[in-house]
Amino acid sequence: VPQLNDSYARDYYTGLIHERQGKARLIRNYPGARFD
């Protein structure tokens, strides 16, 4: 992310990374996944 030139892109893709990791945690459904 820090290599992206635009501050909007840095913030947007940081959000997207966290969103996709959050969805992945739900799918993998390990203990504590819903909190993560």
All heavy atoms as atom14 arrays in JSON, in Angstrom:
{
  "sequence": "VPQLNDSYARDYYTGLIHERQGKARLIRNYPGARFD",
  "atom14_mask": [
    [1, 1, 1, 1, 1, 1, 1, 0, 0, 0, 0, 0, 0, 0],
    [1, 1, 1, 1, 1, 1, 1, 0, 0, 0, 0, 0, 0, 0],
    [1, 1, 1, 1, 1, 1, 1, 1, 1, 0, 0, 0, 0, 0],
    [1, 1, 1, 1, 1, 1, 1, 1, 0, 0, 0, 0, 0, 0],
    [1, 1, 1, 1, 1, 1, 1, 1, 0, 0, 0, 0, 0, 0],
    [1, 1, 1, 1, 1, 1, 1, 1, 0, 0, 0, 0, 0, 0],
    [1, 1, 1, 1, 1, 1, 0, 0, 0, 0, 0, 0, 0, 0],
    [1, 1, 1, 1, 1, 1, 1, 1, 1, 1, 1, 1, 0, 0],
    [1, 1, 1, 1, 1, 0, 0, 0, 0, 0, 0, 0, 0, 0],
    [1, 1, 1, 1, 1, 1, 1, 1, 1, 1, 1, 0, 0, 0],
    [1, 1, 1, 1, 1, 1, 1, 1, 0, 0, 0, 0, 0, 0],
    [1, 1, 1, 1, 1, 1, 1, 1, 1, 1, 1, 1, 0, 0],
    [1, 1, 1, 1, 1, 1, 1, 1, 1, 1, 1, 1, 0, 0],
    [1, 1, 1, 1, 1, 1, 1, 0, 0, 0, 0, 0, 0, 0],
    [1, 1, 1, 1, 0, 0, 0, 0, 0, 0, 0, 0, 0, 0],
    [1, 1, 1, 1, 1, 1, 1, 1, 0, 0, 0, 0, 0, 0],
    [1, 1, 1, 1, 1, 1, 1, 1, 0, 0, 0, 0, 0, 0],
    [1, 1, 1, 1, 1, 1, 1, 1, 1, 1, 0, 0, 0, 0],
    [1, 1, 1, 1, 1, 1, 1, 1, 1, 0, 0, 0, 0, 0],
    [1, 1, 1, 1, 1, 1, 1, 1, 1, 1, 1, 0, 0, 0],
    [1, 1, 1, 1, 1, 1, 1, 1, 1, 0, 0, 0, 0, 0],
    [1, 1, 1, 1, 0, 0, 0, 0, 0, 0, 0, 0, 0, 0],
    [1, 1, 1, 1, 1, 1, 1, 1, 1, 0, 0, 0, 0, 0],
    [1, 1, 1, 1, 1, 0, 0, 0, 0, 0, 0, 0, 0, 0],
    [1, 1, 1, 1, 1, 1, 1, 1, 1, 1, 1, 0, 0, 0],
    [1, 1, 1, 1, 1, 1, 1, 1, 0, 0, 0, 0, 0, 0],
    [1, 1, 1, 1, 1, 1, 1, 1, 0, 0, 0, 0, 0, 0],
    [1, 1, 1, 1, 1, 1, 1, 1, 1, 1, 1, 0, 0, 0],
    [1, 1, 1, 1, 1, 1, 1, 1, 0, 0, 0, 0, 0, 0],
    [1, 1, 1, 1, 1, 1, 1, 1, 1, 1, 1, 1, 0, 0],
    [1, 1, 1, 1, 1, 1, 1, 0, 0, 0, 0, 0, 0, 0],
    [1, 1, 1, 1, 0, 0, 0, 0, 0, 0, 0, 0, 0, 0],
    [1, 1, 1, 1, 1, 0, 0, 0, 0, 0, 0, 0, 0, 0],
    [1, 1, 1, 1, 1, 1, 1, 1, 1, 1, 1, 0, 0, 0],
    [1, 1, 1, 1, 1, 1, 1, 1, 1, 1, 1, 0, 0, 0],
    [1, 1, 1, 1, 1, 1, 1, 1, 0, 0, 0, 0, 0, 0]
  ],
  "atom14_positions": [
    [[0.81, -1.22, 0.0], [0.0, 0.0, 0.0], [0.84, 1.28, 0.0], [0.52, 2.21, -0.75], [-1.01, -0.02, 1.17], [-1.68, 1.33, 1.35], [-2.05, -1.12, 0.94], [0.0, 0.0, 0.0], [0.0, 0.0, 0.0], [0.0, 0.0, 0.0], [0.0, 0.0, 0.0], [0.0, 0.0, 0.0], [0.0, 0.0, 0.0], [0.0, 0.0, 0.0]],
    [[1.92, 1.38, 0.79], [2.69, 2.64, 0.78], [3.29, 2.98, -0.58], [3.65, 4.14, -0.82], [3.8, 2.4, 1.81], [3.26, 1.34, 2.71], [2.4, 0.48, 1.83], [0.0, 0.0, 0.0], [0.0, 0.0, 0.0], [0.0, 0.0, 0.0], [0.0, 0.0, 0.0], [0.0, 0.0, 0.0], [0.0, 0.0, 0.0], [0.0, 0.0, 0.0]],
    [[3.37, 2.01, -1.49], [3.92, 2.27, -2.81], [2.91, 2.94, -3.75], [3.27, 3.4, -4.83], [4.42, 0.98, -3.44], [5.56, 0.35, -2.67], [5.95, -0.98, -3.28], [6.26, -1.06, -4.46], [5.94, -2.03, -2.48], [0.0, 0.0, 0.0], [0.0, 0.0, 0.0], [0.0, 0.0, 0.0], [0.0, 0.0, 0.0], [0.0, 0.0, 0.0]],
    [[1.64, 2.96, -3.34], [0.62, 3.63, -4.16], [0.8, 5.13, -4.04], [1.0, 5.67, -2.96], [-0.79, 3.22, -3.69], [-1.12, 1.72, -3.86], [-2.47, 1.4, -3.22], [-1.09, 1.31, -5.32], [0.0, 0.0, 0.0], [0.0, 0.0, 0.0], [0.0, 0.0, 0.0], [0.0, 0.0, 0.0], [0.0, 0.0, 0.0], [0.0, 0.0, 0.0]],
    [[0.74, 5.82, -5.17], [1.04, 7.25, -5.22], [-0.05, 8.13, -4.64], [0.22, 9.22, -4.16], [1.29, 7.69, -6.67], [2.54, 7.1, -7.25], [3.46, 6.74, -6.54], [2.57, 6.98, -8.57], [0.0, 0.0, 0.0], [0.0, 0.0, 0.0], [0.0, 0.0, 0.0], [0.0, 0.0, 0.0], [0.0, 0.0, 0.0], [0.0, 0.0, 0.0]],
    [[-1.27, 7.7, -4.68], [-2.42, 8.52, -4.34], [-2.92, 8.19, -2.93], [-3.1, 7.01, -2.6], [-3.5, 8.24, -5.4], [-4.79, 8.95, -5.15], [-4.86, 10.15, -5.46], [-5.73, 8.3, -4.66], [0.0, 0.0, 0.0], [0.0, 0.0, 0.0], [0.0, 0.0, 0.0], [0.0, 0.0, 0.0], [0.0, 0.0, 0.0], [0.0, 0.0, 0.0]],
    [[-3.17, 9.2, -2.11], [-3.63, 8.95, -0.73], [-5.01, 8.29, -0.71], [-5.29, 7.46, 0.14], [-3.62, 10.23, 0.1], [-4.51, 11.18, -0.43], [0.0, 0.0, 0.0], [0.0, 0.0, 0.0], [0.0, 0.0, 0.0], [0.0, 0.0, 0.0], [0.0, 0.0, 0.0], [0.0, 0.0, 0.0], [0.0, 0.0, 0.0], [0.0, 0.0, 0.0]],
    [[-5.88, 8.67, -1.66], [-7.18, 7.99, -1.74], [-6.97, 6.5, -1.97], [-7.57, 5.67, -1.28], [-8.05, 8.57, -2.88], [-9.24, 7.69, -3.18], [-10.4, 7.8, -2.43], [-9.18, 6.72, -4.18], [-11.48, 6.97, -2.67], [-10.25, 5.89, -4.44], [-11.4, 6.01, -3.67], [-12.47, 5.17, -3.92], [0.0, 0.0, 0.0], [0.0, 0.0, 0.0]],
    [[-6.12, 6.15, -2.93], [-5.87, 4.74, -3.24], [-5.29, 4.01, -2.03], [-5.67, 2.87, -1.74], [-4.94, 4.6, -4.44], [0.0, 0.0, 0.0], [0.0, 0.0, 0.0], [0.0, 0.0, 0.0], [0.0, 0.0, 0.0], [0.0, 0.0, 0.0], [0.0, 0.0, 0.0], [0.0, 0.0, 0.0], [0.0, 0.0, 0.0], [0.0, 0.0, 0.0]],
    [[-4.38, 4.65, -1.31], [-3.78, 4.02, -0.13], [-4.86, 3.7, 0.91], [-4.91, 2.61, 1.45], [-2.69, 4.89, 0.47], [-1.41, 4.92, -0.37], [-0.26, 5.59, 0.36], [-0.51, 7.0, 0.66], [-0.24, 8.01, -0.15], [0.3, 7.78, -1.34], [-0.49, 9.25, 0.21], [0.0, 0.0, 0.0], [0.0, 0.0, 0.0], [0.0, 0.0, 0.0]],
    [[-5.75, 4.67, 1.16], [-6.81, 4.44, 2.15], [-7.84, 3.42, 1.64], [-8.25, 2.52, 2.38], [-7.51, 5.76, 2.48], [-6.61, 6.72, 3.24], [-5.58, 6.28, 3.8], [-6.94, 7.92, 3.28], [0.0, 0.0, 0.0], [0.0, 0.0, 0.0], [0.0, 0.0, 0.0], [0.0, 0.0, 0.0], [0.0, 0.0, 0.0], [0.0, 0.0, 0.0]],
    [[-8.24, 3.56, 0.39], [-9.25, 2.65, -0.18], [-8.74, 1.21, -0.19], [-9.45, 0.29, 0.27], [-9.61, 3.11, -1.6], [-10.54, 2.15, -2.3], [-11.9, 2.16, -2.02], [-10.06, 1.22, -3.21], [-12.77, 1.26, -2.64], [-10.9, 0.34, -3.85], [-12.25, 0.36, -3.56], [-13.1, -0.53, -4.18], [0.0, 0.0, 0.0], [0.0, 0.0, 0.0]],
    [[-7.53, 0.98, -0.66], [-7.02, -0.39, -0.74], [-6.67, -0.96, 0.63], [-6.79, -2.17, 0.84], [-5.86, -0.51, -1.74], [-6.4, -0.44, -3.16], [-6.24, 0.7, -3.93], [-7.13, -1.49, -3.69], [-6.77, 0.78, -5.2], [-7.68, -1.42, -4.96], [-7.5, -0.28, -5.71], [-8.06, -0.21, -6.97], [0.0, 0.0, 0.0], [0.0, 0.0, 0.0]],
    [[-6.31, -0.11, 1.58], [-6.14, -0.59, 2.95], [-7.48, -1.11, 3.47], [-7.55, -2.17, 4.09], [-5.58, 0.52, 3.86], [-4.3, 0.92, 3.36], [-5.42, 0.03, 5.29], [0.0, 0.0, 0.0], [0.0, 0.0, 0.0], [0.0, 0.0, 0.0], [0.0, 0.0, 0.0], [0.0, 0.0, 0.0], [0.0, 0.0, 0.0], [0.0, 0.0, 0.0]],
    [[-8.54, -0.37, 3.21], [-9.88, -0.83, 3.58], [-10.24, -2.13, 2.9], [-10.75, -3.06, 3.52], [0.0, 0.0, 0.0], [0.0, 0.0, 0.0], [0.0, 0.0, 0.0], [0.0, 0.0, 0.0], [0.0, 0.0, 0.0], [0.0, 0.0, 0.0], [0.0, 0.0, 0.0], [0.0, 0.0, 0.0], [0.0, 0.0, 0.0], [0.0, 0.0, 0.0]],
    [[-9.97, -2.2, 1.61], [-10.31, -3.4, 0.84], [-9.56, -4.64, 1.36], [-10.14, -5.73, 1.47], [-10.01, -3.18, -0.64], [-10.54, -4.26, -1.57], [-12.05, -4.11, -1.72], [-9.87, -4.16, -2.92], [0.0, 0.0, 0.0], [0.0, 0.0, 0.0], [0.0, 0.0, 0.0], [0.0, 0.0, 0.0], [0.0, 0.0, 0.0], [0.0, 0.0, 0.0]],
    [[-8.31, -4.47, 1.7], [-7.51, -5.58, 2.23], [-8.13, -6.09, 3.54], [-8.32, -7.29, 3.73], [-6.04, -5.15, 2.44], [-5.36, -4.9, 1.09], [-5.28, -6.19, 3.26], [-4.06, -4.11, 1.18], [0.0, 0.0, 0.0], [0.0, 0.0, 0.0], [0.0, 0.0, 0.0], [0.0, 0.0, 0.0], [0.0, 0.0, 0.0], [0.0, 0.0, 0.0]],
    [[-8.49, -5.17, 4.42], [-9.09, -5.57, 5.69], [-10.47, -6.2, 5.47], [-10.82, -7.2, 6.13], [-9.19, -4.38, 6.64], [-7.88, -4.0, 7.22], [-7.07, -3.03, 6.66], [-7.2, -4.47, 8.29], [-5.97, -2.92, 7.37], [-6.02, -3.79, 8.36], [0.0, 0.0, 0.0], [0.0, 0.0, 0.0], [0.0, 0.0, 0.0], [0.0, 0.0, 0.0]],
    [[-11.25, -5.65, 4.55], [-12.56, -6.22, 4.26], [-12.43, -7.66, 3.76], [-13.12, -8.56, 4.24], [-13.29, -5.38, 3.21], [-14.63, -5.96, 2.8], [-15.31, -5.21, 1.67], [-14.78, -4.16, 1.21], [-16.38, -5.67, 1.23], [0.0, 0.0, 0.0], [0.0, 0.0, 0.0], [0.0, 0.0, 0.0], [0.0, 0.0, 0.0], [0.0, 0.0, 0.0]],
    [[-11.55, -7.87, 2.81], [-11.4, -9.22, 2.24], [-10.84, -10.21, 3.27], [-11.24, -11.37, 3.29], [-10.53, -9.17, 0.99], [-11.25, -8.53, -0.18], [-10.41, -8.51, -1.41], [-11.24, -8.2, -2.56], [-10.88, -8.43, -3.8], [-9.72, -8.99, -4.06], [-11.68, -8.12, -4.79], [0.0, 0.0, 0.0], [0.0, 0.0, 0.0], [0.0, 0.0, 0.0]],
    [[-9.95, -9.75, 4.13], [-9.44, -10.63, 5.18], [-10.56, -10.95, 6.18], [-10.68, -12.08, 6.65], [-8.24, -10.01, 5.87], [-7.55, -10.92, 6.87], [-6.94, -12.16, 6.27], [-7.58, -13.2, 6.25], [-5.71, -12.07, 5.81], [0.0, 0.0, 0.0], [0.0, 0.0, 0.0], [0.0, 0.0, 0.0], [0.0, 0.0, 0.0], [0.0, 0.0, 0.0]],
    [[-11.4, -9.96, 6.49], [-12.53, -10.19, 7.38], [-13.49, -11.23, 6.82], [-13.94, -12.14, 7.52], [0.0, 0.0, 0.0], [0.0, 0.0, 0.0], [0.0, 0.0, 0.0], [0.0, 0.0, 0.0], [0.0, 0.0, 0.0], [0.0, 0.0, 0.0], [0.0, 0.0, 0.0], [0.0, 0.0, 0.0], [0.0, 0.0, 0.0], [0.0, 0.0, 0.0]],
    [[-13.81, -11.11, 5.54], [-14.7, -12.09, 4.89], [-14.06, -13.48, 4.9], [-14.74, -14.49, 5.1], [-14.99, -11.66, 3.45], [-15.87, -10.46, 3.32], [-16.0, -10.11, 1.84], [-16.81, -8.89, 1.57], [-16.85, -8.58, 0.12], [0.0, 0.0, 0.0], [0.0, 0.0, 0.0], [0.0, 0.0, 0.0], [0.0, 0.0, 0.0], [0.0, 0.0, 0.0]],
    [[-12.76, -13.52, 4.67], [-12.05, -14.8, 4.66], [-12.11, -15.47, 6.03], [-12.25, -16.69, 6.13], [-10.6, -14.6, 4.23], [0.0, 0.0, 0.0], [0.0, 0.0, 0.0], [0.0, 0.0, 0.0], [0.0, 0.0, 0.0], [0.0, 0.0, 0.0], [0.0, 0.0, 0.0], [0.0, 0.0, 0.0], [0.0, 0.0, 0.0], [0.0, 0.0, 0.0]],
    [[-12.0, -14.67, 7.08], [-12.07, -15.23, 8.43], [-13.43, -15.88, 8.67], [-13.53, -16.93, 9.3], [-11.81, -14.16, 9.48], [-10.48, -13.44, 9.36], [-9.32, -14.31, 9.81], [-8.04, -13.67, 9.58], [-7.29, -13.13, 10.53], [-7.69, -13.14, 11.78], [-6.13, -12.59, 10.23], [0.0, 0.0, 0.0], [0.0, 0.0, 0.0], [0.0, 0.0, 0.0]],
    [[-14.49, -15.24, 8.17], [-15.82, -15.83, 8.32], [-15.93, -17.17, 7.6], [-16.5, -18.12, 8.12], [-16.89, -14.89, 7.77], [-17.31, -13.74, 8.67], [-18.31, -12.85, 7.94], [-17.91, -14.26, 9.96], [0.0, 0.0, 0.0], [0.0, 0.0, 0.0], [0.0, 0.0, 0.0], [0.0, 0.0, 0.0], [0.0, 0.0, 0.0], [0.0, 0.0, 0.0]],
    [[-15.37, -17.25, 6.43], [-15.44, -18.48, 5.64], [-14.65, -19.6, 6.29], [-15.1, -20.75, 6.34], [-14.98, -18.22, 4.19], [-16.04, -17.37, 3.49], [-14.72, -19.52, 3.44], [-15.61, -16.84, 2.15], [0.0, 0.0, 0.0], [0.0, 0.0, 0.0], [0.0, 0.0, 0.0], [0.0, 0.0, 0.0], [0.0, 0.0, 0.0], [0.0, 0.0, 0.0]],
    [[-13.47, -19.28, 6.82], [-12.63, -20.32, 7.43], [-13.2, -20.77, 8.77], [-12.94, -21.89, 9.2], [-11.19, -19.84, 7.56], [-10.52, -19.79, 6.19], [-9.03, -19.78, 6.26], [-8.48, -18.69, 7.03], [-8.17, -17.5, 6.54], [-8.37, -17.22, 5.28], [-7.65, -16.58, 7.3], [0.0, 0.0, 0.0], [0.0, 0.0, 0.0], [0.0, 0.0, 0.0]],
    [[-13.95, -19.93, 9.45], [-14.73, -20.29, 10.62], [-13.96, -21.08, 11.69], [-14.41, -22.11, 12.15], [-15.98, -21.06, 10.19], [-17.01, -21.1, 11.3], [-17.05, -20.23, 12.17], [-17.85, -22.12, 11.29], [0.0, 0.0, 0.0], [0.0, 0.0, 0.0], [0.0, 0.0, 0.0], [0.0, 0.0, 0.0], [0.0, 0.0, 0.0], [0.0, 0.0, 0.0]],
    [[-12.84, -20.59, 12.11], [-12.08, -21.18, 13.22], [-12.55, -20.54, 14.52], [-13.29, -19.56, 14.5], [-10.58, -20.94, 12.99], [-10.24, -19.49, 12.81], [-10.01, -18.66, 13.91], [-10.19, -18.93, 11.55], [-9.74, -17.32, 13.75], [-9.92, -17.58, 11.38], [-9.7, -16.78, 12.49], [-9.45, -15.45, 12.33], [0.0, 0.0, 0.0], [0.0, 0.0, 0.0]],
    [[-12.16, -21.06, 15.69], [-12.57, -20.43, 16.95], [-12.1, -18.96, 17.01], [-10.93, -18.68, 16.8], [-11.88, -21.27, 18.02], [-11.67, -22.6, 17.37], [-11.42, -22.31, 15.91], [0.0, 0.0, 0.0], [0.0, 0.0, 0.0], [0.0, 0.0, 0.0], [0.0, 0.0, 0.0], [0.0, 0.0, 0.0], [0.0, 0.0, 0.0], [0.0, 0.0, 0.0]],
    [[-13.01, -18.06, 17.25], [-12.7, -16.64, 17.3], [-12.79, -15.93, 15.96], [-12.6, -14.71, 15.89], [0.0, 0.0, 0.0], [0.0, 0.0, 0.0], [0.0, 0.0, 0.0], [0.0, 0.0, 0.0], [0.0, 0.0, 0.0], [0.0, 0.0, 0.0], [0.0, 0.0, 0.0], [0.0, 0.0, 0.0], [0.0, 0.0, 0.0], [0.0, 0.0, 0.0]],
    [[-13.11, -16.65, 14.91], [-13.14, -16.07, 13.56], [-14.18, -14.95, 13.46], [-13.93, -13.94, 12.79], [-13.43, -17.14, 12.52], [0.0, 0.0, 0.0], [0.0, 0.0, 0.0], [0.0, 0.0, 0.0], [0.0, 0.0, 0.0], [0.0, 0.0, 0.0], [0.0, 0.0, 0.0], [0.0, 0.0, 0.0], [0.0, 0.0, 0.0], [0.0, 0.0, 0.0]],
    [[-15.31, -15.12, 14.11], [-16.36, -14.1, 14.01], [-15.92, -12.79, 14.67], [-16.23, -11.71, 14.19], [-17.66, -14.63, 14.61], [-18.21, -15.82, 13.77], [-19.44, -16.44, 14.4], [-20.53, -15.49, 14.52], [-21.32, -15.09, 13.52], [-21.13, -15.57, 12.3], [-22.29, -14.23, 13.72], [0.0, 0.0, 0.0], [0.0, 0.0, 0.0], [0.0, 0.0, 0.0]],
    [[-15.18, -12.88, 15.77], [-14.64, -11.68, 16.42], [-13.59, -11.03, 15.53], [-13.56, -9.8, 15.37], [-14.04, -12.0, 17.79], [-15.04, -12.53, 18.78], [-14.77, -13.69, 19.48], [-16.25, -11.88, 19.02], [-15.68, -14.19, 20.4], [-17.16, -12.38, 19.95], [-16.88, -13.54, 20.63], [0.0, 0.0, 0.0], [0.0, 0.0, 0.0], [0.0, 0.0, 0.0]],
    [[-12.71, -11.86, 14.97], [-11.68, -11.34, 14.06], [-12.34, -10.64, 12.88], [-11.91, -9.56, 12.47], [-10.76, -12.46, 13.56], [-9.85, -13.01, 14.63], [-9.78, -12.43, 15.73], [-9.21, -14.04, 14.36], [0.0, 0.0, 0.0], [0.0, 0.0, 0.0], [0.0, 0.0, 0.0], [0.0, 0.0, 0.0], [0.0, 0.0, 0.0], [0.0, 0.0, 0.0]]
  ]
}
